[in-house]
Protein backbone atom coordinates (compact mmCIF):
# COMPACT_ATOMS: atom_id res chain seq x y z
CA UNK A 1 19.74 64.31 47.87
CA UNK A 2 22.29 61.98 46.31
CA UNK A 3 21.26 58.38 46.88
CA UNK A 4 24.10 55.97 47.50
CA UNK A 5 24.97 52.89 49.50
CA UNK A 6 27.94 53.20 51.85
CA UNK A 7 30.76 50.70 51.45
CA UNK A 8 30.67 49.93 55.18
CA UNK A 9 26.99 48.92 54.92
CA UNK A 10 27.44 46.85 51.76
CA UNK A 11 30.33 44.87 53.25
CA UNK A 12 27.99 43.70 56.04
CA UNK A 13 24.98 43.10 53.78
CA UNK A 14 23.60 39.74 52.66
CA UNK A 15 20.88 41.16 50.38
CA UNK A 16 22.30 39.49 47.31
CA UNK A 17 20.66 40.46 44.03
CA UNK A 18 19.71 43.92 45.33
CA UNK A 19 20.52 46.85 43.04
CA UNK A 20 22.95 49.25 44.72
CA UNK A 21 24.63 52.54 43.92
CA UNK A 22 28.14 52.94 45.26
CA UNK A 23 30.38 56.00 44.99
CA UNK A 24 33.98 56.32 46.03
CA UNK A 25 37.62 56.63 45.04
CA UNK A 26 39.50 54.03 43.06
CA UNK A 27 42.30 52.35 45.00
CA UNK A 28 43.31 49.92 42.24
CA UNK A 29 41.99 48.75 38.86
CA UNK A 30 43.11 45.30 37.72
CA UNK A 31 42.75 43.43 34.45
CA UNK A 32 40.44 46.12 33.04
CA UNK A 33 37.76 44.54 35.24
CA UNK A 34 38.26 44.67 39.03
CA UNK A 35 38.00 47.98 40.91
CA UNK A 36 38.94 48.24 44.59
CA UNK A 37 36.70 51.10 45.75
CA UNK A 38 36.64 53.02 49.02
CA UNK A 39 34.35 55.84 50.12
CA UNK A 40 35.96 56.51 53.52
CA UNK A 41 33.27 54.74 55.54
CA UNK A 42 35.36 51.59 56.00
CA UNK A 43 39.00 50.59 56.19
CA UNK A 44 38.21 47.80 53.75
CA UNK A 45 37.52 48.34 50.05
CA UNK A 46 34.65 46.83 48.13
CA UNK A 47 35.31 45.16 44.82
CA UNK A 48 33.37 46.48 41.85
CA UNK A 49 33.40 44.15 38.84
CA UNK A 50 33.17 46.03 35.55
CA UNK A 51 31.49 44.53 32.47
CA UNK A 52 34.42 45.72 30.36
CA UNK A 53 33.01 44.29 27.10
CA UNK A 54 29.98 46.57 27.41
CA UNK A 55 31.76 49.59 28.92
CA UNK A 56 33.07 52.35 26.67
CA UNK A 57 36.83 52.37 26.27
CA UNK A 58 36.86 56.08 27.15
CA UNK A 59 35.41 55.19 30.57
CA UNK A 60 37.83 52.32 31.16
CA UNK A 61 40.81 54.58 30.41
CA UNK A 62 39.71 57.00 33.15
CA UNK A 63 39.34 54.41 35.92
CA UNK A 64 42.68 55.32 37.46
CA UNK A 65 43.89 55.23 41.06
CA UNK A 66 42.47 58.29 42.83
CA UNK A 67 39.56 58.84 40.43
CA UNK A 68 36.08 59.27 41.90
CA UNK A 69 33.44 57.06 40.33
CA UNK A 70 29.80 56.04 40.60
CA UNK A 71 28.86 52.42 39.96
CA UNK A 72 25.37 50.97 39.74
CA UNK A 73 24.87 47.24 39.79
CA UNK A 74 23.85 44.20 41.82
CA UNK A 75 25.29 43.13 45.14
CA UNK A 76 26.50 39.54 44.73
CA UNK A 77 28.33 36.97 46.81
CA UNK A 78 32.02 37.11 46.00
CA UNK A 79 33.99 34.08 44.88
CA UNK A 80 37.30 35.89 45.39
CA UNK A 81 39.51 35.61 48.45
CA UNK A 82 39.37 38.21 51.23
CA UNK A 83 35.86 39.47 50.52
CA UNK A 84 32.35 38.16 51.04
CA UNK A 85 30.49 40.54 48.70
CA UNK A 86 31.13 42.53 45.56
CA UNK A 87 29.21 44.77 43.19
CA UNK A 88 28.62 43.49 39.68
CA UNK A 89 28.37 46.82 37.88
CA UNK A 90 26.03 47.49 34.98
CA UNK A 91 27.10 51.13 34.60
CA UNK A 92 30.16 53.09 35.67
CA UNK A 93 30.31 56.89 35.67
CA UNK A 94 33.45 58.97 36.18
CA UNK A 95 32.72 61.70 38.74
CA UNK A 96 36.24 63.10 38.98
CA UNK A 97 39.27 62.15 36.92
CA UNK A 98 42.75 61.47 38.31
CA UNK A 99 45.91 61.77 36.25
CA UNK A 100 47.60 58.39 36.60
CA UNK A 101 51.03 59.88 35.88
CA UNK A 102 50.84 62.64 38.50
CA UNK A 103 48.73 61.22 41.34
CA UNK A 104 51.23 60.73 44.22
CA UNK A 105 49.35 57.98 46.09
CA UNK A 106 50.04 55.06 43.83
CA UNK A 107 49.10 51.58 45.14
CA UNK A 108 52.30 50.86 47.05
CA UNK A 109 53.62 51.35 50.56
CA UNK A 110 54.48 54.97 51.39
CA UNK A 111 56.59 56.19 54.29
CA UNK A 112 55.05 58.47 56.90
CA UNK A 113 57.71 61.06 56.04
CA UNK A 114 56.52 61.10 52.43
CA UNK A 115 52.87 61.32 53.48
CA UNK A 116 53.64 64.36 55.67
CA UNK A 117 54.86 66.10 52.51
CA UNK A 118 51.44 65.54 50.92
CA UNK A 119 49.36 65.93 54.08
CA UNK A 120 46.41 67.20 52.06
CA UNK A 121 46.08 63.74 50.46
CA UNK A 122 47.14 61.46 53.30
CA UNK A 123 43.53 61.12 54.54
CA UNK A 124 43.05 58.75 51.59
CA UNK A 125 45.47 56.16 52.94
CA UNK A 126 44.33 53.29 55.12
CA UNK A 127 46.66 54.35 57.94
CA UNK A 128 45.21 57.84 58.23
CA UNK A 129 41.68 56.57 57.68
CA UNK A 130 42.24 54.51 60.83
CA UNK A 131 44.04 57.23 62.82
CA UNK A 132 41.40 59.89 62.30
CA UNK A 133 38.52 57.52 63.01
CA UNK A 134 40.16 56.67 66.33
CA UNK A 135 40.65 60.40 66.97
CA UNK A 136 36.95 60.97 66.29
CA UNK A 137 35.96 58.18 68.68
CA UNK A 138 38.21 59.51 71.44
CA UNK A 139 36.78 63.03 71.07
CA UNK A 140 33.24 61.68 71.31
CA UNK A 141 34.17 59.57 74.34
CA UNK A 142 35.63 62.62 76.13
CA UNK A 143 32.36 64.51 75.77
CA UNK A 144 30.33 61.44 76.74
CA UNK A 145 32.43 60.82 79.85
CA UNK A 146 31.92 64.33 81.21
CA UNK A 147 28.29 64.50 80.16
CA UNK A 148 27.50 61.29 82.04
CA UNK A 149 29.07 62.79 85.16
CA UNK A 150 27.12 66.04 85.05
CA UNK A 151 29.91 68.32 83.86
CA UNK A 152 29.12 71.45 81.85
CA UNK A 153 30.99 72.09 78.59
CA UNK A 154 32.44 75.61 78.78
CA UNK A 155 33.85 77.49 75.80
CA UNK A 156 36.81 79.52 77.04
CA UNK A 157 38.34 82.29 74.90
CA UNK A 158 40.89 81.63 72.18
CA UNK A 159 41.98 85.28 72.15
CA UNK A 160 43.09 86.29 75.64
CA UNK A 161 45.19 88.87 77.46
CA UNK A 162 46.45 86.42 80.10
CA UNK A 163 49.31 83.94 80.08
CA UNK A 164 48.02 81.04 82.18
CA UNK A 165 51.35 79.24 82.30
CA UNK A 166 53.59 82.28 82.77
CA UNK A 167 55.76 80.91 79.98
CA UNK A 168 55.62 83.91 77.65
CA UNK A 169 55.76 81.68 74.54
CA UNK A 170 52.61 83.04 72.90
CA UNK A 171 51.34 84.07 69.49
CA UNK A 172 50.45 87.76 69.34
CA UNK A 173 47.04 88.79 68.01
CA UNK A 174 46.96 92.27 66.50
CA UNK A 175 45.48 94.44 63.74
CA UNK A 176 48.22 97.07 63.98
CA UNK A 177 50.31 97.94 60.94
CA UNK A 178 53.50 95.93 61.29
CA UNK A 179 55.48 98.41 59.16
CA UNK A 180 54.38 101.48 61.07
CA UNK A 181 52.79 100.64 64.43
CA UNK A 182 51.63 103.47 66.71
CA UNK A 183 54.03 104.19 69.56
CA UNK A 184 53.69 105.76 72.99
CA UNK A 185 55.86 108.46 74.58
CA UNK A 186 58.50 105.87 75.50
CA UNK A 187 58.70 104.63 71.92
CA UNK A 188 57.00 101.30 72.69
CA UNK A 189 54.17 99.90 70.56
CA UNK A 190 50.94 101.53 71.72
CA UNK A 191 48.51 98.64 72.03
CA UNK A 192 45.80 101.02 73.23
CA UNK A 193 45.22 101.71 69.55
CA UNK A 194 44.96 98.00 68.74
CA UNK A 195 41.62 96.27 68.08
CA UNK A 196 41.14 95.17 71.69
CA UNK A 197 42.81 98.23 73.20
CA UNK A 198 45.53 96.12 74.78
CA UNK A 199 48.10 93.45 73.99
CA UNK A 200 46.42 90.10 73.26
CA UNK A 201 47.53 86.62 72.25
CA UNK A 202 46.25 83.16 71.34
CA UNK A 203 45.47 81.17 74.46
CA UNK A 204 47.92 78.69 75.94
CA UNK A 205 45.25 77.26 78.25
CA UNK A 206 41.60 77.75 79.15
CA UNK A 207 42.27 76.84 82.78
CA UNK A 208 42.02 80.22 84.48
CA UNK A 209 38.73 81.02 82.77
CA UNK A 210 37.59 77.46 83.46
CA UNK A 211 38.09 78.04 87.18
CA UNK A 212 35.65 80.95 87.01
CA UNK A 213 33.00 78.63 85.62
CA UNK A 214 33.70 75.87 88.15
CA UNK A 215 33.34 78.28 91.05
CA UNK A 216 29.72 78.82 90.07
CA UNK A 217 28.63 75.76 88.10
CA UNK A 218 30.46 73.24 90.28
CA UNK A 219 32.18 71.24 87.56
CA UNK A 220 33.04 72.21 83.99
CA UNK A 221 35.36 71.09 81.23
CA UNK A 222 36.84 72.75 78.17
CA UNK A 223 37.86 71.04 74.95
CA UNK A 224 39.41 73.36 72.42
CA UNK A 225 42.52 74.52 70.58
CA UNK A 226 45.51 75.98 72.43
CA UNK A 227 48.70 77.52 71.07
CA UNK A 228 52.37 77.58 72.10
CA UNK A 229 54.98 79.63 70.22
CA UNK A 230 57.66 77.22 71.38
CA UNK A 231 60.39 76.59 68.82
CA UNK A 232 60.37 72.81 69.35
CA UNK A 233 60.84 70.73 66.23
CA UNK A 234 60.25 67.37 67.90
CA UNK A 235 57.98 64.36 67.47
CA UNK A 236 56.10 65.37 70.65
CA UNK A 237 55.34 69.08 70.16
CA UNK A 238 52.89 71.11 68.10
CA UNK A 239 52.31 74.86 67.92
CA UNK A 240 48.54 74.31 67.74
CA UNK A 241 46.95 71.43 69.63
CA UNK A 242 43.75 70.54 71.47
CA UNK A 243 43.35 70.41 75.23
CA UNK A 244 40.77 68.93 77.58
CA UNK A 245 40.69 70.83 80.87
CA UNK A 246 38.17 69.96 83.60
CA UNK A 247 37.84 72.10 86.73
CA UNK A 248 35.94 70.88 89.79
CA UNK A 249 34.85 72.85 92.85
CA UNK A 250 35.04 71.24 96.31
CA UNK A 251 37.73 68.81 95.10
CA UNK A 252 41.25 68.05 96.29
CA UNK A 253 44.32 66.39 94.76
CA UNK A 254 42.98 62.89 95.44
CA UNK A 255 39.70 63.68 93.68
CA UNK A 256 41.69 65.11 90.78
CA UNK A 257 43.80 61.96 90.37
CA UNK A 258 40.71 59.74 90.54
CA UNK A 259 38.90 61.79 87.88
CA UNK A 260 41.88 61.76 85.52
CA UNK A 261 42.47 58.02 85.86
CA UNK A 262 38.76 57.27 85.40
CA UNK A 263 38.61 59.47 82.29
CA UNK A 264 41.67 57.92 80.64
CA UNK A 265 40.39 54.39 81.26
CA UNK A 266 36.92 55.31 80.00
CA UNK A 267 38.09 56.74 76.67
CA UNK A 268 40.61 53.95 76.05
CA UNK A 269 37.89 51.39 76.73
CA UNK A 270 35.55 53.23 74.36
CA UNK A 271 38.15 53.12 71.57
CA UNK A 272 38.77 49.40 72.10
CA UNK A 273 35.05 48.68 71.85
CA UNK A 274 34.22 51.00 68.96
CA UNK A 275 37.37 51.02 66.81
CA UNK A 276 38.19 47.33 66.78
CA UNK A 277 39.09 47.12 63.07
CA UNK A 278 41.06 50.35 63.11
CA UNK A 279 43.10 49.31 66.15
CA UNK A 280 43.76 45.86 64.70
CA UNK A 281 45.08 47.50 61.54
CA UNK A 282 47.23 49.95 63.54
CA UNK A 283 48.53 47.09 65.68
CA UNK A 284 49.70 45.29 62.54
CA UNK A 285 51.24 48.48 61.14
CA UNK A 286 53.21 48.99 64.35
CA UNK A 287 54.41 45.37 64.42
CA UNK A 288 55.67 45.72 60.83
CA UNK A 289 57.45 48.96 61.75
CA UNK A 290 59.17 47.34 64.73
CA UNK A 291 60.56 44.48 62.68
CA UNK A 292 63.30 46.85 61.55
CA UNK A 293 64.28 47.73 65.13
CA UNK A 294 66.71 45.85 67.38
CA UNK A 295 64.93 43.44 69.73
CA UNK A 296 65.80 45.58 72.76
CA UNK A 297 63.96 48.59 71.28
CA UNK A 298 60.75 46.74 70.47
CA UNK A 299 57.70 47.07 72.68
CA UNK A 300 57.04 44.13 74.97
CA UNK A 301 53.30 44.47 74.37
CA UNK A 302 51.53 44.97 71.06
CA UNK A 303 49.24 47.99 70.68
CA UNK A 304 46.04 46.36 71.89
CA UNK A 305 47.80 44.56 74.76
CA UNK A 306 49.26 47.91 75.84
CA UNK A 307 45.82 49.56 75.86
CA UNK A 308 44.26 46.70 77.82
CA UNK A 309 47.19 46.80 80.24
CA UNK A 310 46.26 50.40 81.11
CA UNK A 311 42.68 49.33 81.80
CA UNK A 312 43.59 46.32 83.90
CA UNK A 313 46.09 48.03 86.23
CA UNK A 314 45.64 50.75 88.81
CA UNK A 315 47.98 53.63 88.08
CA UNK A 316 50.97 53.70 90.43
CA UNK A 317 50.87 56.79 92.66
CA UNK A 318 54.15 58.14 94.07
CA UNK A 319 55.48 61.50 95.18
CA UNK A 320 58.07 63.48 93.27
CA UNK A 321 60.46 62.90 96.19
CA UNK A 322 60.06 59.10 95.88
CA UNK A 323 60.56 59.34 92.11
CA UNK A 324 63.78 61.32 92.46
CA UNK A 325 65.20 58.66 94.79
CA UNK A 326 64.27 55.87 92.34
CA UNK A 327 65.85 57.75 89.45
CA UNK A 328 68.96 58.72 91.40
CA UNK A 329 69.64 55.06 92.21
CA UNK A 330 68.70 53.73 88.77
CA UNK A 331 71.28 52.05 86.51
CA UNK A 332 70.87 54.57 83.65
CA UNK A 333 71.63 57.39 86.08
CA UNK A 334 74.53 55.65 87.81
CA UNK A 335 76.04 54.64 84.45
CA UNK A 336 75.46 58.18 83.13
CA UNK A 337 73.17 56.95 80.35
CA UNK A 338 70.54 59.63 80.97
CA UNK A 339 71.05 62.80 78.93
CA UNK A 340 70.03 64.72 82.06
CA UNK A 341 71.52 63.16 85.17
CA UNK A 342 69.56 63.24 88.42
CA UNK A 343 71.86 64.55 91.13
CA UNK A 344 69.57 66.15 93.66
CA UNK A 345 66.03 66.91 94.72
CA UNK A 346 64.52 69.80 92.74
CA UNK A 347 65.44 68.62 89.24
CA UNK A 348 62.82 69.16 86.54
CA UNK A 349 62.06 65.68 85.20
CA UNK A 350 62.60 65.10 81.49
CA UNK A 351 60.80 62.69 79.18
CA UNK A 352 63.58 60.10 79.55
CA UNK A 353 63.07 60.05 83.33
CA UNK A 354 59.29 59.81 83.05
CA UNK A 355 59.52 56.94 80.58
CA UNK A 356 62.02 55.09 82.77
CA UNK A 357 59.60 55.18 85.70
CA UNK A 358 56.72 53.94 83.55
CA UNK A 359 58.39 51.50 81.17
CA UNK A 360 61.28 50.08 83.18
CA UNK A 361 60.65 50.52 86.90
CA UNK A 362 56.90 50.20 87.51
CA UNK A 363 55.89 48.91 84.06
CA UNK A 364 52.52 50.63 84.29
CA UNK A 365 51.10 54.18 84.18
CA UNK A 366 52.38 56.37 87.00
CA UNK A 367 50.94 59.40 88.77
CA UNK A 368 53.60 61.71 90.24
CA UNK A 369 52.52 64.14 92.95
CA UNK A 370 53.80 66.95 95.18
CA UNK A 371 56.38 68.61 92.98
CA UNK A 372 58.77 71.40 94.08
CA UNK A 373 56.90 74.72 93.94
CA UNK A 374 59.70 76.45 92.05
CA UNK A 375 59.26 74.28 88.92
CA UNK A 376 55.46 74.53 88.86
CA UNK A 377 52.91 77.23 88.02
CA UNK A 378 51.78 79.97 90.40
CA UNK A 379 48.18 78.77 90.77
CA UNK A 380 49.01 75.37 92.33
CA UNK A 381 48.13 74.88 96.00
CA UNK A 382 51.14 75.07 98.29
CA UNK A 383 51.58 72.09 100.58
CA UNK A 384 51.70 72.85 104.30
CA UNK A 385 54.82 70.79 105.03
CA UNK A 386 58.26 71.51 103.62
CA UNK A 387 60.34 68.81 101.91
CA UNK A 388 64.11 69.17 102.22
CA UNK A 389 63.38 72.62 103.60
CA UNK A 390 61.60 73.66 100.39
CA UNK A 391 58.01 74.26 99.33
CA UNK A 392 56.06 71.68 97.35
CA UNK A 393 52.69 71.97 95.65
CA UNK A 394 49.68 69.66 95.32
CA UNK A 395 50.38 68.94 91.68
CA UNK A 396 50.04 65.70 89.77
CA UNK A 397 51.29 64.44 86.40
CA UNK A 398 50.19 61.19 84.77
CA UNK A 399 52.90 59.39 82.84
CA UNK A 400 52.17 56.85 80.08
CA UNK A 401 54.45 54.36 78.29
CA UNK A 402 55.94 55.69 75.08
CA UNK A 403 54.61 59.18 75.77
CA UNK A 404 55.80 60.42 79.13
CA UNK A 405 53.52 63.11 80.57
CA UNK A 406 49.99 62.88 79.19
CA UNK A 407 48.10 64.74 81.95
CA UNK A 408 49.20 67.62 84.17
CA UNK A 409 47.07 69.06 86.95
CA UNK A 410 46.80 70.22 90.52
CA UNK A 411 44.65 71.30 93.37
CA UNK A 412 44.37 75.06 92.89
CA UNK A 413 45.51 77.56 95.52
CA UNK A 414 42.26 78.79 97.05
CA UNK A 415 43.85 80.94 99.79
CA UNK A 416 44.06 84.55 98.60
CA UNK A 417 47.08 85.50 100.72
CA UNK A 418 49.11 82.48 99.59
CA UNK A 419 48.17 83.04 95.93
CA UNK A 420 49.05 86.73 95.98
CA UNK A 421 52.35 86.04 97.72
CA UNK A 422 53.27 83.47 95.07
CA UNK A 423 52.34 85.88 92.25
CA UNK A 424 54.51 88.58 93.83
CA UNK A 425 57.34 86.08 94.21
CA UNK A 426 57.50 85.28 90.48
CA UNK A 427 56.42 88.68 89.17
CA UNK A 428 52.90 88.10 87.91
CA UNK A 429 50.97 91.43 88.00
CA UNK A 430 47.96 91.06 90.28
CA UNK A 431 46.05 93.95 88.74
CA UNK A 432 45.84 92.20 85.36
CA UNK A 433 44.38 89.08 87.00
CA UNK A 434 41.92 90.87 89.32
CA UNK A 435 39.10 88.75 87.86
CA UNK A 436 40.93 85.55 88.79
CA UNK A 437 41.69 86.77 92.31
CA UNK A 438 38.02 87.73 92.80
CA UNK A 439 37.15 84.01 92.93
CA UNK A 440 39.34 83.87 96.05
CA UNK A 441 37.85 87.04 97.52
CA UNK A 442 34.20 86.03 97.20
CA UNK A 443 33.31 82.53 98.32
CA UNK A 444 36.62 80.81 97.77
CA UNK A 445 36.57 77.02 98.00
CA UNK A 446 38.96 74.11 97.46
CA UNK A 447 39.01 73.13 93.79
CA UNK A 448 41.16 71.15 91.37
CA UNK A 449 41.63 70.43 87.69
CA UNK A 450 43.96 69.10 85.04
CA UNK A 451 44.90 69.40 81.38
CA UNK A 452 45.06 66.53 78.90
CA UNK A 453 46.84 67.12 75.61
CA UNK A 454 44.43 65.45 73.21
CA UNK A 455 47.02 64.69 70.53
CA UNK A 456 49.21 62.86 73.05
CA UNK A 457 46.22 60.71 73.94
CA UNK A 458 45.60 59.96 70.25
CA UNK A 459 49.31 59.23 69.83
CA UNK A 460 49.17 56.69 72.63
CA UNK A 461 45.97 54.95 71.52
CA UNK A 462 46.94 54.70 67.83
CA UNK A 463 50.55 53.69 68.42
CA UNK A 464 51.80 56.40 66.06
CA UNK A 465 55.21 57.80 66.91
CA UNK A 466 55.03 61.37 65.58
CA UNK A 467 52.47 63.82 66.95
CA UNK A 468 52.19 65.44 63.51
CA UNK A 469 50.54 62.25 62.31
CA UNK A 470 47.56 62.40 64.70
CA UNK A 471 46.26 65.90 63.94
CA UNK A 472 44.71 66.62 60.53
CA UNK A 473 46.65 69.80 59.77
CA UNK A 474 49.80 70.04 61.92
CA UNK A 475 51.26 73.42 62.85
CA UNK A 476 54.94 73.53 63.80
CA UNK A 477 57.94 75.84 63.32
CA UNK A 478 58.24 77.06 59.72
CA UNK A 479 55.09 75.19 58.69
CA UNK A 480 51.50 76.40 58.42
CA UNK A 481 50.19 74.67 55.30
CA UNK A 482 46.51 74.86 54.32
């Protein structure tokens, strides 16, 4: 086993005079003597002081930005500014060379656009060191939250024959020969000869399978990758992303809202307590970025103030009908400043409307409930009373500043006759979802759940503005690197 001392541990140590072995990547090398070294364990570098008079010139020439090195020496109190300790090296070994002329991450400020072009190296920057440590903390907090509340972690299938959302924007999974696929009597592709004996795709949601687990285990959650073949080249969409989807038996819409709000506050609080240095760095990065914006476009709260604001305020809960009235009367709507004007009840809310409610009207997170049935999925419980003569469903969306919708969920329709009627209405074949309908035939019970797009949560907590910057290897139209 390779013995080494982590930079994060050495920066907190006061064992001066102790011999240490540090390994990492060179950030900078100044005056043929001072190495700024980072091994990924800390946002901060440790300074390694080279005895250049007693170090071979061949070694000194190879201490370039990006090179991996091993240094052995004594931990000493630093006399330099900005650091309390440093390593006074007695030996330096080059573990991996880096061509100084070709290495793209030279010690200067790089734009996020440039870093997306070299996404395989961007982990080495301080920004992405911070982002992915926050992502790690949030993922751990999600699991811890549900574990503490007695939920069971259920692995739902990635390859599936169902389309949970009814959207049809799915990635096909097949082993058939694309150039010469088998065909049936009607000339259509014969999927009976495919690997699974039927048409299959990458999952868009684990919800339907999650409901099966909840109707026996009581309360489950999924946390895994989902896929949408949606041709959206925006800062808010990915073709592959991660979803958290709890499902709870014997729960209604109110229980669902409470669970979602509790979970969001829990994980944000966890990040604030466990990623203090990372969030401070990201706060400063965001403030620098906003200096170039007009005053009216800058956030009123800095990153950490925004996160604490979400913890300190109860989420505003209003119905879709109330939201439509607020939006219809709003100045942006009356002055025709919205791209999508709100004229009547039944409109499908866009991100600009959601952000207006959160950032301008209520100035806090908002939970919208009881949407029109026609703009929501088939599995949502139909409300008993009509609104404006039309059906609504017991759905809820949570809207966050800067993001818009971050959570979408509902009480599920537990009444077999209502569910089958809705499936017939929108053309979902009941025979293909017999297994789903069986949960309503045998011991049906009220139940509810929601989906949280994990990358949108990371986007919010880190203050990043492009969703491609909060997932290690982004997948989007015309791009599937690595």
